[in-house]
Amino acid sequence: MINGETLKQAVISGANNILSIKARINDLNIFPVPDGDTGTNMSMTIVAAADALADFDASDVASVAQKTASAMLRGARGNSGVITSLLFRGISKGLEGKTEASGEDMIRALGLGVEAAYNAVTKPTEGTILTVARMGYEAGLEALETEDDPAVLWEIVCDASAEALELTPKMLPVLKKAGVVDAGGKGILTIFEGMLSVIRDGVVVEFEEENEGVGTDTSDDFFRSAAAEFDEVINFTYCTEFIVGRDPEIDTDPNELRMFLETIGDCVVTVADDEIIKVHVHTEQPGDALQKGLTYGSLLTVKVENMREQHENAKAENEKAKEKAAAKAEEPTFAAPVEEYGFVAVAAGEGLSNLFNELGCLNVVSGGQSMNPSTDDIYAAVMATPAKKVFVLPNNKNIIMAAQQTVALAEDRQVIIVPTRTIPQGLSAMLVFDPDSDVETNVENMMNAAKNVSTGQITFAARDSEFGYMKIKEGEIIGLDNGKLTVTSSSPNKALLKLAKSMIDKDMSFVTLISGEGVSEEEASEAVEMLEDRFSDQVDITYIKGDQPIYYYIISVE
């Protein structure tokens, strides 16, 4: 039997296990756009439960499971985090009223979680976290015919989940093409395996950053892991990484490069094969390191970062975050629902936040791409909105599920989720709201307005990838047409013009250009002038300084 303390430690162990390799799971994401990565979202979701359980009196499994589910519901971030929280909410329902749990109790409780997760997704896709959890549950259910030991049964769940994970590339061609397994599936398997360590062996997996997968010294995984181990060591100023494309006519031993680098710095990692040499070194002489690399061939990529400056910036940002959190803690967190309607939007950037405020959103949750807010963040904004009916605009497809979880949390007011997927959709939805219409009519009108908007986004590639005929390199400027990668270029403004040409046709009337925090006034003026020169006889062009991170430009076409 599993008692409350064992389940508590199992959840903590699962949280530590995924937290340790969240960056590795993030790397499984195949789309090059910077996003709220799977490993980060899932680890933050279950870490919320681990924090809640740290000082919790684990007298029975029912209370531990309920505490876990409640904390994960509020801490859920991104779609993968919400699905993870739903799996544990099902486990909580299955263990209601129980002091201890048998192996059968755990399996059937997991089944409730799998059912809840599938039901929450409009069109469940196989080859994802859903498949991995379901196949693990089904194997455990079948094993109940001959087995009742909780440790054995949970090990069967893990083994079957691991087998399912290996099948995900066969179910999703895009995974097969990229040569990776599903990130969400890897995340839930990692959590299950962390729990198994306690259930079977009584050992809590300790948090150790990037503690998995250091393999042969020719693998990308090894290079990433080994280099990451050094990134907090600051004996020298510059963290220097580069890749050399080896010249076949130069027959020089890569070990000589490593020996040279060790004379000018530390934390040296080199990985070589017949075609390239990947290098990581901390040094005061990055130019000398690059010059030596050139004796082996041509430089394919170069990254030099001032670690001391990064460290100081990080400290400053941490202090700002603390001050912001302290200020927020002093603010009222509850407003009585006295108005008929209120609005909450999710957006990042002072300009966009102010714009949503002007359109009637009393509370704007800071978040978006790469910074998905939790369910609790959105719930707090809902409760700070003094309205009987609160409309929530997520403005990002990876935030919609987290927003939907707030509906059941707010008992004294109605929460209505308008599932906007982009900032332009949210802005258009706000513009058509009619206070004289009922909720159903407004939601229909708001979504119709959102669907009539085309959204273009200019950002940078967060990782190397390949899409159709395009090979994308990390750092390359890319353009998205309604989420589809269609443009690559050497600069944001050039990418913007190419994207605008593909999006604007004779049926369009309005274009809104929103500039991000990384765009100077001069660059923004040049972009507006460029669009006006090309399209002013076709459409009305409006410019907004949005200050959003990640995206150099967002363009709305309708």
Protein backbone atom coordinates (compact mmCIF):
# COMPACT_ATOMS: atom_id res chain seq x y z
CA MET A 1 0.00 0.00 0.00
CA ILE A 2 1.06 3.58 -0.65
CA ASN A 3 0.60 5.94 2.30
CA GLY A 4 0.34 9.71 2.32
CA GLU A 5 4.02 10.32 2.98
CA THR A 6 5.07 8.03 0.14
CA LEU A 7 2.76 9.79 -2.31
CA LYS A 8 3.99 13.18 -1.13
CA GLN A 9 7.62 12.22 -1.67
CA ALA A 10 6.74 10.64 -5.01
CA VAL A 11 5.28 13.91 -6.29
CA ILE A 12 8.31 15.85 -5.06
CA SER A 13 10.60 13.30 -6.70
CA GLY A 14 8.70 13.61 -9.99
CA ALA A 15 9.02 17.40 -9.81
CA ASN A 16 12.77 17.21 -9.16
CA ASN A 17 13.23 14.74 -12.00
CA ILE A 18 11.64 16.91 -14.67
CA LEU A 19 13.09 20.13 -13.27
CA SER A 20 16.55 18.60 -13.63
CA ILE A 21 16.18 18.08 -17.38
CA LYS A 22 13.67 20.73 -18.39
CA ALA A 23 16.16 22.28 -20.84
CA ARG A 24 16.66 18.90 -22.51
CA ILE A 25 12.91 18.55 -22.91
CA ASN A 26 12.69 22.10 -24.25
CA ASP A 27 15.21 21.12 -26.92
CA LEU A 28 12.77 18.50 -28.22
CA ASN A 29 10.46 21.30 -29.38
CA ILE A 30 10.77 21.27 -33.14
CA PHE A 31 9.27 24.63 -34.13
CA PRO A 32 11.99 27.30 -34.20
CA VAL A 33 9.90 30.13 -32.70
CA PRO A 34 10.85 31.16 -29.15
CA ASP A 35 7.98 29.86 -27.04
CA GLY A 36 6.76 28.81 -23.63
CA ASP A 37 8.73 25.60 -23.85
CA THR A 38 7.26 22.27 -22.77
CA GLY A 39 9.89 21.35 -20.21
CA THR A 40 9.64 24.75 -18.53
CA ASN A 41 5.85 24.74 -18.45
CA MET A 42 5.50 21.18 -17.15
CA SER A 43 8.23 21.57 -14.52
CA MET A 44 6.76 24.84 -13.22
CA THR A 45 3.35 23.18 -13.03
CA ILE A 46 4.43 20.24 -10.88
CA VAL A 47 6.94 22.29 -8.87
CA ALA A 48 3.94 24.33 -7.70
CA ALA A 49 2.66 21.08 -6.15
CA ALA A 50 6.04 20.17 -4.69
CA ASP A 51 6.25 23.58 -3.01
CA ALA A 52 2.74 23.20 -1.60
CA LEU A 53 3.59 19.75 -0.23
CA ALA A 54 6.93 20.69 1.33
CA ASP A 55 5.48 21.42 4.79
CA PHE A 56 2.20 19.59 4.34
CA ASP A 57 1.09 16.97 6.89
CA ALA A 58 0.82 13.88 4.68
CA SER A 59 -1.53 11.89 6.89
CA ASP A 60 -3.39 10.16 4.05
CA VAL A 61 -3.16 9.77 0.27
CA ALA A 62 -6.48 11.54 -0.34
CA SER A 63 -5.33 14.81 1.23
CA VAL A 64 -1.93 14.64 -0.49
CA ALA A 65 -3.52 14.00 -3.87
CA GLN A 66 -6.03 16.80 -3.35
CA LYS A 67 -3.29 19.24 -2.31
CA THR A 68 -1.26 18.22 -5.36
CA ALA A 69 -4.17 18.63 -7.76
CA SER A 70 -5.16 22.01 -6.33
CA ALA A 71 -1.63 23.42 -6.52
CA MET A 72 -1.09 22.09 -10.04
CA LEU A 73 -4.40 23.49 -11.22
CA ARG A 74 -3.40 26.97 -10.10
CA GLY A 75 0.21 26.61 -11.20
CA ALA A 76 -0.56 25.13 -14.63
CA ARG A 77 1.27 26.87 -17.49
CA GLY A 78 0.87 26.19 -21.17
CA ASN A 79 -1.14 23.38 -22.72
CA SER A 80 1.31 20.70 -21.58
CA GLY A 81 1.16 22.02 -18.01
CA VAL A 82 -2.64 22.03 -18.01
CA ILE A 83 -2.77 18.45 -19.34
CA THR A 84 -0.32 17.39 -16.62
CA SER A 85 -2.49 19.04 -13.98
CA LEU A 86 -5.56 17.24 -15.35
CA LEU A 87 -3.81 13.88 -15.06
CA PHE A 88 -3.14 14.57 -11.38
CA ARG A 89 -6.62 15.94 -10.83
CA GLY A 90 -7.94 12.57 -12.02
CA ILE A 91 -5.60 10.80 -9.63
CA SER A 92 -6.97 12.99 -6.84
CA LYS A 93 -10.55 12.05 -7.69
CA GLY A 94 -9.63 8.37 -7.77
CA LEU A 95 -8.05 8.53 -4.31
CA GLU A 96 -10.83 10.49 -2.61
CA GLY A 97 -11.56 9.24 0.90
CA LYS A 98 -8.60 6.85 1.00
CA THR A 99 -6.01 6.70 3.75
CA GLU A 100 -3.76 4.42 1.74
CA ALA A 101 -3.76 3.41 -1.92
CA SER A 102 -3.34 -0.03 -3.39
CA GLY A 103 -1.75 -0.65 -6.75
CA GLU A 104 -5.20 -0.99 -8.27
CA ASP A 105 -6.27 2.31 -6.70
CA MET A 106 -3.32 4.09 -8.34
CA ILE A 107 -3.96 2.59 -11.77
CA ARG A 108 -7.67 3.32 -11.80
CA ALA A 109 -7.02 6.85 -10.51
CA LEU A 110 -4.53 7.40 -13.34
CA GLY A 111 -7.27 6.24 -15.72
CA LEU A 112 -9.53 9.02 -14.48
CA GLY A 113 -6.73 11.49 -15.16
CA VAL A 114 -6.19 10.19 -18.68
CA GLU A 115 -9.93 10.46 -19.36
CA ALA A 116 -10.01 14.05 -18.05
CA ALA A 117 -7.00 15.03 -20.16
CA TYR A 118 -8.49 13.61 -23.36
CA ASN A 119 -11.84 15.28 -22.66
CA ALA A 120 -10.18 18.66 -22.18
CA VAL A 121 -8.67 18.67 -25.68
CA THR A 122 -11.08 19.47 -28.51
CA LYS A 123 -9.21 17.36 -31.05
CA PRO A 124 -6.85 14.98 -29.21
CA THR A 125 -3.72 14.24 -31.23
CA GLU A 126 -2.04 10.87 -30.86
CA GLY A 127 1.72 10.86 -30.64
CA THR A 128 1.68 13.36 -27.78
CA ILE A 129 1.63 13.44 -23.97
CA LEU A 130 -1.92 12.05 -24.17
CA THR A 131 -0.74 8.90 -25.93
CA VAL A 132 2.14 8.32 -23.54
CA ALA A 133 -0.09 8.64 -20.46
CA ARG A 134 -2.88 6.55 -21.99
CA MET A 135 -0.65 3.65 -23.06
CA GLY A 136 1.01 3.65 -19.64
CA TYR A 137 -2.41 3.45 -17.97
CA GLU A 138 -3.67 0.73 -20.32
CA ALA A 139 -0.63 -1.45 -19.59
CA GLY A 140 -1.17 -0.99 -15.86
CA LEU A 141 -4.85 -1.84 -16.21
CA GLU A 142 -4.07 -5.04 -18.10
CA ALA A 143 -1.50 -6.01 -15.46
CA LEU A 144 -4.12 -5.84 -12.71
CA GLU A 145 -5.24 -9.32 -13.75
CA THR A 146 -2.05 -10.83 -12.33
CA GLU A 147 -0.38 -8.14 -10.21
CA ASP A 148 -1.32 -6.02 -7.17
CA ASP A 149 2.03 -4.65 -5.94
CA PRO A 150 2.00 -0.83 -6.39
CA ALA A 151 5.72 -0.70 -7.18
CA VAL A 152 5.48 -3.37 -9.85
CA LEU A 153 2.38 -1.82 -11.38
CA TRP A 154 3.86 1.68 -11.51
CA GLU A 155 7.01 0.25 -13.09
CA ILE A 156 4.80 -1.33 -15.75
CA VAL A 157 3.19 2.08 -16.32
CA CYS A 158 6.64 3.65 -16.77
CA ASP A 159 7.89 0.91 -19.10
CA ALA A 160 4.78 1.15 -21.28
CA SER A 161 4.96 4.95 -21.28
CA ALA A 162 8.60 4.75 -22.41
CA GLU A 163 7.62 2.39 -25.23
CA ALA A 164 4.81 4.77 -26.21
CA LEU A 165 7.25 7.68 -26.24
CA GLU A 166 9.47 5.84 -28.73
CA LEU A 167 6.41 5.37 -30.96
CA THR A 168 5.51 9.06 -31.09
CA PRO A 169 7.66 9.81 -34.17
CA LYS A 170 5.75 7.11 -36.06
CA MET A 171 2.45 8.75 -35.12
CA LEU A 172 3.49 12.32 -35.95
CA PRO A 173 5.51 12.69 -39.18
CA VAL A 174 6.82 16.08 -38.08
CA LEU A 175 8.55 14.39 -35.12
CA LYS A 176 10.00 11.72 -37.38
CA LYS A 177 11.37 14.29 -39.79
CA ALA A 178 13.02 16.19 -36.93
CA GLY A 179 14.36 12.98 -35.39
CA VAL A 180 12.88 13.59 -31.95
CA VAL A 181 10.22 12.18 -29.64
CA ASP A 182 7.31 14.23 -28.32
CA ALA A 183 8.39 16.77 -25.68
CA GLY A 184 5.22 16.49 -23.59
CA GLY A 185 5.43 12.70 -23.66
CA LYS A 186 9.03 12.87 -22.49
CA GLY A 187 7.98 15.24 -19.73
CA ILE A 188 5.22 13.04 -18.30
CA LEU A 189 7.44 9.94 -18.50
CA THR A 190 10.12 11.82 -16.56
CA ILE A 191 7.59 12.70 -13.85
CA PHE A 192 6.32 9.10 -13.67
CA GLU A 193 9.89 7.79 -13.40
CA GLY A 194 10.65 10.23 -10.59
CA MET A 195 7.60 8.94 -8.74
CA LEU A 196 8.67 5.33 -9.35
CA SER A 197 11.99 5.97 -7.60
CA VAL A 198 10.06 6.59 -4.37
CA ILE A 199 7.29 4.01 -4.81
CA ARG A 200 9.70 1.19 -5.69
CA ASP A 201 12.97 2.14 -3.98
CA GLY A 202 12.03 4.74 -1.38
CA VAL A 203 14.50 7.18 -2.95
CA VAL A 204 13.59 10.78 -3.75
CA VAL A 205 15.28 11.99 -6.93
CA GLU A 206 17.23 15.10 -6.00
CA PHE A 207 17.25 18.17 -8.19
CA GLU A 208 20.45 18.35 -10.18
CA GLU A 209 20.44 20.62 -13.20
CA GLU A 210 20.87 18.70 -16.45
CA ASN A 211 21.75 15.44 -14.72
CA GLU A 212 20.62 13.15 -17.51
CA GLY A 213 21.96 11.95 -20.80
CA VAL A 214 25.70 12.68 -20.86
CA GLY A 215 26.62 10.14 -23.48
CA THR A 216 29.33 9.70 -26.09
CA ASP A 217 31.56 12.65 -26.72
CA THR A 218 30.39 13.02 -30.31
CA SER A 219 26.73 13.73 -29.54
CA ASP A 220 24.96 17.09 -29.50
CA ASP A 221 23.39 16.08 -26.18
CA PHE A 222 26.83 15.63 -24.66
CA PHE A 223 28.01 19.01 -25.89
CA ARG A 224 24.93 20.83 -24.60
CA SER A 225 25.08 19.06 -21.25
CA ALA A 226 28.82 19.43 -20.74
CA ALA A 227 28.83 23.08 -21.78
CA ALA A 228 25.83 23.83 -19.54
CA GLU A 229 27.69 22.46 -16.52
CA PHE A 230 30.23 25.27 -16.89
CA ASP A 231 27.98 28.21 -17.60
CA GLU A 232 27.79 29.37 -13.98
CA VAL A 233 31.59 29.25 -13.56
CA ILE A 234 33.02 32.75 -14.06
CA ASN A 235 36.79 32.68 -13.82
CA PHE A 236 37.02 34.37 -17.22
CA THR A 237 34.76 36.99 -18.75
CA TYR A 238 33.68 35.65 -22.13
CA CYS A 239 31.72 32.47 -22.78
CA THR A 240 32.73 31.67 -26.36
CA GLU A 241 31.02 29.05 -28.51
CA PHE A 242 31.56 28.38 -32.18
CA ILE A 243 31.27 25.68 -34.82
CA VAL A 244 34.01 25.14 -37.40
CA GLY A 245 33.18 23.58 -40.74
CA ARG A 246 36.26 21.39 -41.23
CA ASP A 247 38.31 21.85 -44.39
CA PRO A 248 38.98 18.35 -45.79
CA GLU A 249 42.37 19.52 -47.03
CA ILE A 250 43.50 20.49 -43.52
CA ASP A 251 44.63 17.40 -41.66
CA THR A 252 45.01 18.78 -38.13
CA ASP A 253 44.15 16.93 -34.92
CA PRO A 254 41.19 18.62 -33.11
CA ASN A 255 42.86 17.71 -29.80
CA GLU A 256 45.48 20.36 -30.60
CA LEU A 257 42.69 22.95 -30.68
CA ARG A 258 41.50 21.78 -27.28
CA MET A 259 45.02 21.97 -25.83
CA PHE A 260 45.44 25.51 -27.16
CA LEU A 261 42.12 26.62 -25.70
CA GLU A 262 43.13 25.29 -22.29
CA THR A 263 46.11 27.67 -22.35
CA ILE A 264 43.88 30.75 -22.76
CA GLY A 265 40.85 29.81 -20.65
CA ASP A 266 38.90 27.10 -18.86
CA CYS A 267 35.65 25.14 -19.08
CA VAL A 268 36.74 23.79 -22.45
CA VAL A 269 34.45 21.41 -24.34
CA THR A 270 35.19 20.28 -27.89
CA VAL A 271 33.18 17.80 -29.93
CA ALA A 272 34.39 16.79 -33.37
CA ASP A 273 33.37 14.58 -36.25
CA ASP A 274 34.46 14.42 -39.90
CA GLU A 275 32.56 17.58 -40.84
CA ILE A 276 32.52 19.97 -37.88
CA ILE A 277 34.15 20.89 -34.57
CA LYS A 278 31.92 22.35 -31.84
CA VAL A 279 33.70 24.44 -29.22
CA HIS A 280 32.85 25.92 -25.82
CA VAL A 281 35.43 27.88 -23.78
CA HIS A 282 35.56 30.60 -21.13
CA THR A 283 38.37 33.05 -21.90
CA GLU A 284 39.56 36.65 -21.85
CA GLN A 285 40.69 36.26 -25.48
CA PRO A 286 37.73 35.17 -27.61
CA GLY A 287 39.44 36.53 -30.72
CA ASP A 288 42.38 34.20 -30.21
CA ALA A 289 40.02 31.24 -29.79
CA LEU A 290 38.21 32.10 -33.04
CA GLN A 291 41.48 32.71 -34.89
CA LYS A 292 42.74 29.28 -33.86
CA GLY A 293 39.44 27.74 -34.96
CA LEU A 294 39.93 29.25 -38.42
CA THR A 295 43.06 27.15 -38.89
CA TYR A 296 40.76 24.11 -39.10
CA GLY A 297 38.25 25.51 -41.59
CA SER A 298 35.51 28.16 -41.78
CA LEU A 299 33.40 29.44 -38.88
CA LEU A 300 29.77 28.38 -39.28
CA THR A 301 28.37 29.93 -36.09
CA VAL A 302 29.82 32.18 -33.40
CA LYS A 303 28.43 33.23 -30.01
CA VAL A 304 30.39 35.33 -27.52
CA GLU A 305 28.71 36.42 -24.28
CA ASN A 306 30.00 38.57 -21.43
CA MET A 307 29.19 36.37 -18.43
CA ARG A 308 30.04 38.99 -15.82
CA GLU A 309 27.66 41.47 -17.40
CA GLN A 310 24.99 38.78 -17.72
CA HIS A 311 25.45 37.94 -14.04
CA GLU A 312 25.05 41.58 -13.01
CA ASN A 313 22.02 42.00 -15.26
CA ALA A 314 20.48 38.87 -13.81
CA LYS A 315 21.00 40.18 -10.29
CA ALA A 316 19.42 43.49 -11.24
CA GLU A 317 16.44 41.75 -12.86
CA ASN A 318 16.06 39.56 -9.80
CA GLU A 319 15.94 42.61 -7.56
CA LYS A 320 13.34 44.20 -9.84
CA ALA A 321 11.29 41.03 -9.74
CA LYS A 322 11.44 40.99 -5.94
CA GLU A 323 10.36 44.62 -5.76
CA LYS A 324 7.53 43.96 -8.21
CA ALA A 325 6.40 40.91 -6.25
CA ALA A 326 6.49 42.85 -2.99
CA ALA A 327 4.46 45.68 -4.52
CA LYS A 328 1.99 43.20 -5.95
CA ALA A 329 1.62 41.49 -2.55
CA GLU A 330 0.51 44.81 -1.07
CA GLU A 331 -2.13 45.36 -3.73
CA PRO A 332 -5.72 44.26 -3.15
CA THR A 333 -6.32 40.82 -4.65
CA PHE A 334 -10.09 40.86 -4.58
CA ALA A 335 -12.66 43.26 -5.98
CA ALA A 336 -16.36 42.82 -5.32
CA PRO A 337 -18.34 42.14 -8.53
CA VAL A 338 -20.35 45.34 -8.80
CA GLU A 339 -20.08 46.14 -12.54
CA GLU A 340 -21.95 44.10 -15.13
CA TYR A 341 -18.97 43.42 -17.44
CA GLY A 342 -15.21 43.39 -17.05
CA PHE A 343 -12.24 42.30 -19.12
CA VAL A 344 -8.88 40.60 -18.58
CA ALA A 345 -6.32 40.29 -21.38
CA VAL A 346 -2.92 38.61 -21.57
CA ALA A 347 -0.21 40.70 -23.22
CA ALA A 348 3.46 41.52 -22.84
CA GLY A 349 4.89 44.99 -23.35
CA GLU A 350 3.96 48.35 -21.86
CA GLY A 351 2.52 49.65 -25.11
CA LEU A 352 0.21 46.69 -25.61
CA SER A 353 -0.80 46.70 -21.96
CA ASN A 354 -1.76 50.37 -22.19
CA LEU A 355 -3.67 49.72 -25.40
CA PHE A 356 -5.77 46.97 -23.85
CA ASN A 357 -6.39 49.24 -20.85
CA GLU A 358 -7.66 51.96 -23.20
CA LEU A 359 -9.99 49.45 -24.85
CA GLY A 360 -11.55 48.56 -21.50
CA CYS A 361 -9.40 45.81 -19.98
CA LEU A 362 -9.01 46.82 -16.36
CA ASN A 363 -6.41 44.10 -15.73
CA VAL A 364 -3.75 42.92 -18.16
CA VAL A 365 -1.77 39.82 -17.22
CA SER A 366 1.85 40.09 -18.26
CA GLY A 367 2.64 37.16 -20.49
CA GLY A 368 2.60 35.68 -23.94
CA GLN A 369 5.12 33.84 -26.05
CA SER A 370 7.96 32.32 -23.97
CA MET A 371 6.31 33.55 -20.73
CA ASN A 372 3.03 31.70 -20.34
CA PRO A 373 1.18 32.89 -17.21
CA SER A 374 -0.20 30.30 -14.82
CA THR A 375 -3.86 29.64 -14.18
CA ASP A 376 -3.38 31.36 -10.82
CA ASP A 377 -1.98 34.49 -12.51
CA ILE A 378 -5.08 34.74 -14.70
CA TYR A 379 -7.41 33.88 -11.80
CA ALA A 380 -5.88 36.68 -9.70
CA ALA A 381 -6.59 39.16 -12.49
CA VAL A 382 -10.16 37.89 -12.79
CA MET A 383 -10.75 38.30 -9.06
CA ALA A 384 -9.26 41.82 -9.18
CA THR A 385 -11.81 42.79 -11.84
CA PRO A 386 -14.97 44.20 -10.17
CA ALA A 387 -17.49 42.64 -12.55
CA LYS A 388 -20.19 39.99 -12.46
CA LYS A 389 -19.18 38.74 -15.91
CA VAL A 390 -15.47 38.75 -16.73
CA PHE A 391 -14.31 38.14 -20.29
CA VAL A 392 -10.78 36.72 -20.56
CA LEU A 393 -8.74 37.06 -23.77
CA PRO A 394 -5.67 34.75 -23.68
CA ASN A 395 -4.25 36.08 -26.98
CA ASN A 396 -2.01 33.02 -27.36
CA LYS A 397 -2.92 29.46 -28.29
CA ASN A 398 -0.70 28.07 -25.53
CA ILE A 399 -2.50 30.07 -22.83
CA ILE A 400 -6.11 29.20 -23.70
CA MET A 401 -6.22 25.98 -21.66
CA ALA A 402 -4.72 27.65 -18.58
CA ALA A 403 -7.32 30.42 -18.88
CA GLN A 404 -10.14 27.88 -19.17
CA GLN A 405 -9.24 26.42 -15.78
CA THR A 406 -10.22 29.70 -14.10
CA VAL A 407 -13.90 29.22 -14.98
CA ALA A 408 -14.45 26.76 -12.13
CA LEU A 409 -12.31 28.71 -9.65
CA ALA A 410 -14.27 31.97 -9.62
CA GLU A 411 -17.42 31.15 -7.67
CA ASP A 412 -18.84 34.66 -7.23
CA ARG A 413 -18.63 35.77 -10.88
CA GLN A 414 -19.03 34.31 -14.34
CA VAL A 415 -15.81 33.88 -16.30
CA ILE A 416 -16.12 33.78 -20.08
CA ILE A 417 -13.09 32.69 -22.12
CA VAL A 418 -12.85 34.25 -25.57
CA PRO A 419 -10.23 31.93 -27.12
CA THR A 420 -8.17 34.52 -28.98
CA ARG A 421 -4.88 33.11 -30.27
CA THR A 422 -2.97 36.31 -31.10
CA ILE A 423 -2.70 39.93 -29.96
CA PRO A 424 -4.44 41.29 -33.09
CA GLN A 425 -7.32 38.86 -32.53
CA GLY A 426 -7.68 40.14 -28.97
CA LEU A 427 -7.67 43.77 -30.07
CA SER A 428 -10.31 43.14 -32.75
CA ALA A 429 -12.46 41.18 -30.31
CA MET A 430 -12.41 44.05 -27.81
CA LEU A 431 -13.43 46.57 -30.46
CA VAL A 432 -16.73 44.82 -31.26
CA PHE A 433 -17.93 44.25 -27.70
CA ASP A 434 -21.48 45.58 -27.21
CA PRO A 435 -22.60 46.18 -23.59
CA ASP A 436 -26.23 46.04 -24.71
CA SER A 437 -25.90 42.47 -26.03
CA ASP A 438 -25.93 39.29 -23.97
CA VAL A 439 -22.88 37.13 -23.26
CA GLU A 440 -23.54 34.56 -26.00
CA THR A 441 -24.00 37.20 -28.69
CA ASN A 442 -20.88 39.05 -27.61
CA VAL A 443 -18.75 35.92 -27.61
CA GLU A 444 -19.97 35.05 -31.11
CA ASN A 445 -19.32 38.56 -32.39
CA MET A 446 -15.92 38.79 -30.72
CA MET A 447 -14.77 35.46 -32.18
CA ASN A 448 -16.08 36.36 -35.63
CA ALA A 449 -14.06 39.56 -35.46
CA ALA A 450 -11.00 37.61 -34.32
CA LYS A 451 -11.31 35.14 -37.17
CA ASN A 452 -11.41 37.95 -39.73
CA VAL A 453 -7.95 39.13 -38.67
CA SER A 454 -4.75 37.76 -40.18
CA THR A 455 -1.74 37.94 -37.90
CA GLY A 456 1.85 38.22 -39.05
CA GLN A 457 4.82 38.02 -36.69
CA ILE A 458 8.50 38.74 -37.18
CA THR A 459 10.84 37.04 -34.71
CA PHE A 460 14.05 35.02 -34.60
CA ALA A 461 14.71 31.30 -34.76
CA ALA A 462 15.38 29.90 -31.31
CA ARG A 463 16.87 26.69 -32.70
CA ASP A 464 18.01 25.03 -35.91
CA SER A 465 15.17 23.30 -37.73
CA GLU A 466 13.86 22.32 -41.13
CA PHE A 467 10.40 23.09 -42.48
CA GLY A 468 9.43 21.96 -45.94
CA TYR A 469 12.00 23.42 -48.29
CA MET A 470 13.42 25.80 -45.67
CA LYS A 471 16.39 25.06 -43.46
CA ILE A 472 16.34 27.45 -40.52
CA LYS A 473 19.44 28.39 -38.54
CA GLU A 474 19.35 29.53 -34.93
CA GLY A 475 19.21 33.33 -34.78
CA GLU A 476 17.87 33.75 -38.32
CA ILE A 477 15.02 36.26 -38.76
CA ILE A 478 11.75 34.51 -39.58
CA GLY A 479 8.21 35.57 -40.44
CA LEU A 480 4.99 33.77 -39.53
CA ASP A 481 1.73 34.11 -41.44
CA ASN A 482 -1.03 33.07 -39.02
CA GLY A 483 1.44 30.83 -37.24
CA LYS A 484 2.86 29.28 -40.41
CA LEU A 485 6.54 29.87 -41.06
CA THR A 486 6.72 31.43 -44.53
CA VAL A 487 9.58 33.96 -44.54
CA THR A 488 13.27 34.04 -43.68
CA SER A 489 15.51 37.06 -43.99
CA SER A 490 18.63 38.79 -42.75
CA SER A 491 16.83 41.66 -40.97
CA PRO A 492 13.46 42.30 -39.30
CA ASN A 493 12.47 45.06 -41.73
CA LYS A 494 13.28 42.99 -44.80
CA ALA A 495 11.33 40.07 -43.34
CA LEU A 496 8.42 42.41 -42.57
CA LEU A 497 8.16 43.61 -46.17
CA LYS A 498 8.30 40.06 -47.55
CA LEU A 499 5.61 38.95 -45.08
CA ALA A 500 3.38 41.96 -45.80
CA LYS A 501 3.54 41.26 -49.55
CA SER A 502 2.28 37.73 -48.93
CA MET A 503 -0.51 38.81 -46.55
CA ILE A 504 -1.96 41.99 -48.09
CA ASP A 505 -4.23 41.59 -51.11
CA LYS A 506 -6.95 43.63 -52.83
CA ASP A 507 -9.62 42.53 -50.32
CA MET A 508 -7.77 44.01 -47.34
CA SER A 509 -8.62 47.44 -45.91
CA PHE A 510 -6.65 47.91 -42.67
CA VAL A 511 -3.13 47.14 -41.55
CA THR A 512 -1.82 47.69 -38.03
CA LEU A 513 1.92 47.48 -37.36
CA ILE A 514 3.03 46.88 -33.76
CA SER A 515 6.74 47.28 -33.00
CA GLY A 516 8.54 45.34 -30.26
CA GLU A 517 10.96 46.29 -27.53
CA GLY A 518 14.00 45.46 -29.66
CA VAL A 519 13.05 47.89 -32.44
CA SER A 520 14.45 51.43 -32.37
CA GLU A 521 12.36 54.47 -33.31
CA GLU A 522 14.45 54.83 -36.45
CA GLU A 523 13.85 51.23 -37.48
CA ALA A 524 10.12 51.50 -36.76
CA SER A 525 9.84 54.71 -38.79
CA GLU A 526 11.65 53.02 -41.66
CA ALA A 527 9.25 50.08 -41.45
CA VAL A 528 6.16 52.30 -41.51
CA GLU A 529 7.54 54.31 -44.43
CA MET A 530 8.35 51.10 -46.27
CA LEU A 531 4.78 49.80 -45.86
CA GLU A 532 3.26 53.14 -46.84
CA ASP A 533 5.36 53.35 -49.99
CA ARG A 534 4.25 49.90 -51.01
CA PHE A 535 0.63 49.63 -49.78
CA SER A 536 -0.83 53.07 -48.91
CA ASP A 537 -2.95 53.08 -52.08
CA GLN A 538 -4.52 49.76 -51.00
CA VAL A 539 -4.95 49.94 -47.21
CA ASP A 540 -4.99 52.30 -44.21
CA ILE A 541 -1.88 51.76 -42.11
CA THR A 542 -1.78 52.36 -38.35
CA TYR A 543 1.37 52.16 -36.22
CA ILE A 544 1.52 51.20 -32.52
CA LYS A 545 4.58 51.03 -30.27
CA GLY A 546 3.81 47.79 -28.46
CA ASP A 547 7.14 47.13 -26.68
CA GLN A 548 6.42 43.38 -26.79
CA PRO A 549 9.36 41.00 -26.28
CA ILE A 550 10.27 38.19 -28.71
CA TYR A 551 8.53 39.73 -31.73
CA TYR A 552 10.24 42.57 -33.59
CA TYR A 553 6.93 43.26 -35.31
CA ILE A 554 3.34 42.05 -35.16
CA ILE A 555 1.26 42.95 -38.18
CA SER A 556 -2.52 42.79 -38.23
CA VAL A 557 -4.26 42.59 -41.61
CA GLU A 558 -8.05 42.77 -42.07
